[in-house]
Amino acid sequence: MNMMNITVDLERCEGFASCVVTAPELFDLDDERSVAVVLEPVDGGPRTRALALEAAASCPVRAITVLAAPVDEPSLDEAARPATD
């Protein structure tokens, strides 16, 4: 399963909730702090990614970031090992 990383910058978020309206399955509003929170888990399927990007674009203060999850890099030891068939 492809994964992605969705974050909300809590210092920037002002609780407009445009992300919640755009993608309620991905975001909710924390009533105590009046900021958006990302609902888990988030798979990286095409529909989910499109919704996340649309929600990020709808944020008036640009508090949402959507990134592909980092791919695990092989360690130097693993990279130095000869390939086996």
Protein backbone atom coordinates (compact mmCIF):
# COMPACT_ATOMS: atom_id res chain seq x y z
CA MET A 1 0.00 0.00 0.00
CA ASN A 2 1.31 3.44 -0.89
CA MET A 3 1.47 5.74 2.08
CA MET A 4 1.59 9.49 2.29
CA ASN A 5 2.34 11.97 5.00
CA ILE A 6 -0.26 14.66 5.65
CA THR A 7 0.58 17.27 8.25
CA VAL A 8 -1.16 20.34 9.63
CA ASP A 9 1.07 23.15 10.88
CA LEU A 10 -0.69 23.91 14.16
CA GLU A 11 1.07 27.27 14.42
CA ARG A 12 -0.47 28.38 11.11
CA CYS A 13 -3.88 26.70 11.30
CA GLU A 14 -6.61 29.14 12.29
CA GLY A 15 -9.50 26.66 12.30
CA PHE A 16 -11.22 27.79 9.10
CA ALA A 17 -12.12 24.09 8.55
CA SER A 18 -12.04 24.28 4.76
CA CYS A 19 -10.08 21.00 4.83
CA VAL A 20 -12.84 19.37 6.89
CA VAL A 21 -15.47 20.49 4.38
CA THR A 22 -13.33 19.35 1.42
CA ALA A 23 -12.14 16.01 2.84
CA PRO A 24 -14.08 15.03 5.99
CA GLU A 25 -12.67 11.50 5.81
CA LEU A 26 -9.14 12.91 6.18
CA PHE A 27 -9.56 15.88 8.54
CA ASP A 28 -11.49 16.87 11.64
CA LEU A 29 -11.54 19.98 13.79
CA ASP A 30 -10.17 19.74 17.33
CA ASP A 31 -12.86 21.57 19.28
CA GLU A 32 -10.60 22.37 22.24
CA ARG A 33 -7.81 23.97 20.21
CA SER A 34 -9.85 25.02 17.13
CA VAL A 35 -7.31 23.53 14.74
CA ALA A 36 -7.54 20.86 12.06
CA VAL A 37 -6.24 17.38 12.77
CA VAL A 38 -5.46 14.55 10.36
CA LEU A 39 -7.51 11.42 10.83
CA GLU A 40 -5.59 8.12 10.69
CA PRO A 41 -4.85 5.88 8.92
CA VAL A 42 -4.21 7.53 5.59
CA ASP A 43 -3.49 5.34 2.59
CA GLY A 44 -1.90 6.86 -0.48
CA GLY A 45 -4.44 5.74 -3.05
CA PRO A 46 -5.18 8.09 -5.95
CA ARG A 47 -8.54 9.25 -4.58
CA THR A 48 -7.16 9.87 -1.10
CA ARG A 49 -4.14 11.72 -2.48
CA ALA A 50 -6.38 13.88 -4.70
CA LEU A 51 -8.61 14.75 -1.72
CA ALA A 52 -5.59 15.60 0.45
CA LEU A 53 -4.14 17.86 -2.25
CA GLU A 54 -7.52 19.55 -2.77
CA ALA A 55 -7.85 20.13 0.97
CA ALA A 56 -4.33 21.57 1.13
CA ALA A 57 -5.13 23.92 -1.75
CA SER A 58 -8.35 25.02 -0.02
CA CYS A 59 -6.55 26.07 3.18
CA PRO A 60 -6.48 29.89 3.26
CA VAL A 61 -3.37 29.97 5.47
CA ARG A 62 -1.54 27.09 3.71
CA ALA A 63 -1.20 25.05 6.90
CA ILE A 64 -1.48 21.62 5.21
CA THR A 65 1.41 19.72 3.65
CA VAL A 66 1.00 16.52 1.64
CA LEU A 67 4.10 14.44 0.94
CA ALA A 68 4.75 10.94 -0.31
CA ALA A 69 6.08 8.79 2.52
CA PRO A 70 9.86 8.41 2.35
CA VAL A 71 11.10 5.19 0.82
CA ASP A 72 13.40 3.25 3.11
CA GLU A 73 16.93 3.57 1.80
CA PRO A 74 19.19 0.53 2.14
CA SER A 75 21.91 0.92 4.69
CA LEU A 76 25.52 1.13 3.51
CA ASP A 77 26.07 -2.46 4.65
CA GLU A 78 23.10 -3.69 2.61
CA ALA A 79 24.15 -1.68 -0.45
CA ALA A 80 27.68 -3.16 -0.31
CA ARG A 81 26.47 -6.78 -0.27
CA PRO A 82 26.66 -8.61 -3.59
CA ALA A 83 23.30 -9.37 -5.16
CA THR A 84 22.16 -12.97 -4.96
CA ASP A 85 19.92 -14.56 -7.57
